[in-house]
Structures are given as C-alpha cells and as structure tokens.
Amino acid sequence: MDYYTAMSWGGLESSDAYKKLPNKTAIEKIIKNERYARSDAKSTKCP
C-alpha cells in the first residue's frame, strides 16, 4: 500500500472497513510514525 494511502486511514481505525484490511500493522506503523514525528516519518515536524 502506498505510504500516503496508508496515512489516509488515520482516524478511521475503529471503522469496519479498516478492521477488514489485511495489512493493519503496516498502516498503524505509518500512522504512528507521522502522528508522533518519529524518525521513520516522511514529513517534517511543524514549528
């Protein structure tokens, strides 16, 4: 799954559609990287 497509699932983790996805672990990792500005994030932290 594309990085930004995975990010689009942010906030939808409790939806039925999200729960049916086979790659939730990878998506959760991407969302958390961005949400908490971890070193694996592709974005830069806002000032």
C-alpha atoms as a PDB file:
ATOM      1  CA  MET A   1       0.000   0.000   0.000  1.00  0.00           C
ATOM      2  CA  ASP A   2       1.204   3.494  -0.837  1.00  0.00           C
ATOM      3  CA  TYR A   3       2.532   5.499   2.125  1.00  0.00           C
ATOM      4  CA  TYR A   4       0.032   8.330   1.730  1.00  0.00           C
ATOM      5  CA  THR A   5      -2.872   5.958   1.128  1.00  0.00           C
ATOM      6  CA  ALA A   6      -1.969   4.279   4.408  1.00  0.00           C
ATOM      7  CA  MET A   7      -1.917   7.682   6.135  1.00  0.00           C
ATOM      8  CA  SER A   8      -5.432   8.365   4.877  1.00  0.00           C
ATOM      9  CA  TRP A   9      -6.683   5.640   7.222  1.00  0.00           C
ATOM     10  CA  GLY A  10      -5.646   7.767  10.213  1.00  0.00           C
ATOM     11  CA  GLY A  11      -8.687   8.408  12.385  1.00  0.00           C
ATOM     12  CA  LEU A  12     -10.600   5.534  10.818  1.00  0.00           C
ATOM     13  CA  GLU A  13      -9.044   2.749  12.876  1.00  0.00           C
ATOM     14  CA  SER A  14     -12.378   1.953  14.534  1.00  0.00           C
ATOM     15  CA  SER A  15     -14.291   1.641  11.235  1.00  0.00           C
ATOM     16  CA  ASP A  16     -15.456  -1.717   9.906  1.00  0.00           C
ATOM     17  CA  ALA A  17     -13.627  -1.139   6.611  1.00  0.00           C
ATOM     18  CA  TYR A  18     -10.318  -0.602   8.434  1.00  0.00           C
ATOM     19  CA  LYS A  19     -10.843  -3.684  10.584  1.00  0.00           C
ATOM     20  CA  LYS A  20     -11.174  -5.797   7.409  1.00  0.00           C
ATOM     21  CA  LEU A  21      -7.815  -4.684   5.975  1.00  0.00           C
ATOM     22  CA  PRO A  22      -5.154  -7.417   5.862  1.00  0.00           C
ATOM     23  CA  ASN A  23      -2.207  -5.048   6.465  1.00  0.00           C
ATOM     24  CA  LYS A  24      -3.346  -3.103   9.537  1.00  0.00           C
ATOM     25  CA  THR A  25       0.020  -3.469  11.281  1.00  0.00           C
ATOM     26  CA  ALA A  26       1.906  -1.709   8.477  1.00  0.00           C
ATOM     27  CA  ILE A  27      -0.728   1.029   8.307  1.00  0.00           C
ATOM     28  CA  GLU A  28      -0.634   1.549  12.084  1.00  0.00           C
ATOM     29  CA  LYS A  29       3.159   1.893  11.959  1.00  0.00           C
ATOM     30  CA  ILE A  30       2.969   4.588   9.270  1.00  0.00           C
ATOM     31  CA  ILE A  31       0.230   6.497  11.097  1.00  0.00           C
ATOM     32  CA  LYS A  32       2.131   6.410  14.394  1.00  0.00           C
ATOM     33  CA  ASN A  33       5.386   7.490  12.708  1.00  0.00           C
ATOM     34  CA  GLU A  34       3.682  10.602  11.386  1.00  0.00           C
ATOM     35  CA  ARG A  35       1.486  11.265  14.417  1.00  0.00           C
ATOM     36  CA  TYR A  36       4.422  11.235  16.826  1.00  0.00           C
ATOM     37  CA  ALA A  37       7.081  12.655  14.416  1.00  0.00           C
ATOM     38  CA  ARG A  38       9.270   9.570  14.692  1.00  0.00           C
ATOM     39  CA  SER A  39      12.453   9.176  12.681  1.00  0.00           C
ATOM     40  CA  ASP A  40      10.693   6.973  10.083  1.00  0.00           C
ATOM     41  CA  ALA A  41       8.196   9.747   9.280  1.00  0.00           C
ATOM     42  CA  LYS A  42       8.350  11.217   5.777  1.00  0.00           C
ATOM     43  CA  SER A  43       7.124  14.639   6.819  1.00  0.00           C
ATOM     44  CA  THR A  44       8.847  17.330   8.860  1.00  0.00           C
ATOM     45  CA  LYS A  45       7.624  18.438  12.249  1.00  0.00           C
ATOM     46  CA  CYS A  46       5.578  21.634  12.334  1.00  0.00           C
ATOM     47  CA  PRO A  47       7.103  24.548  14.287  1.00  0.00           C
END
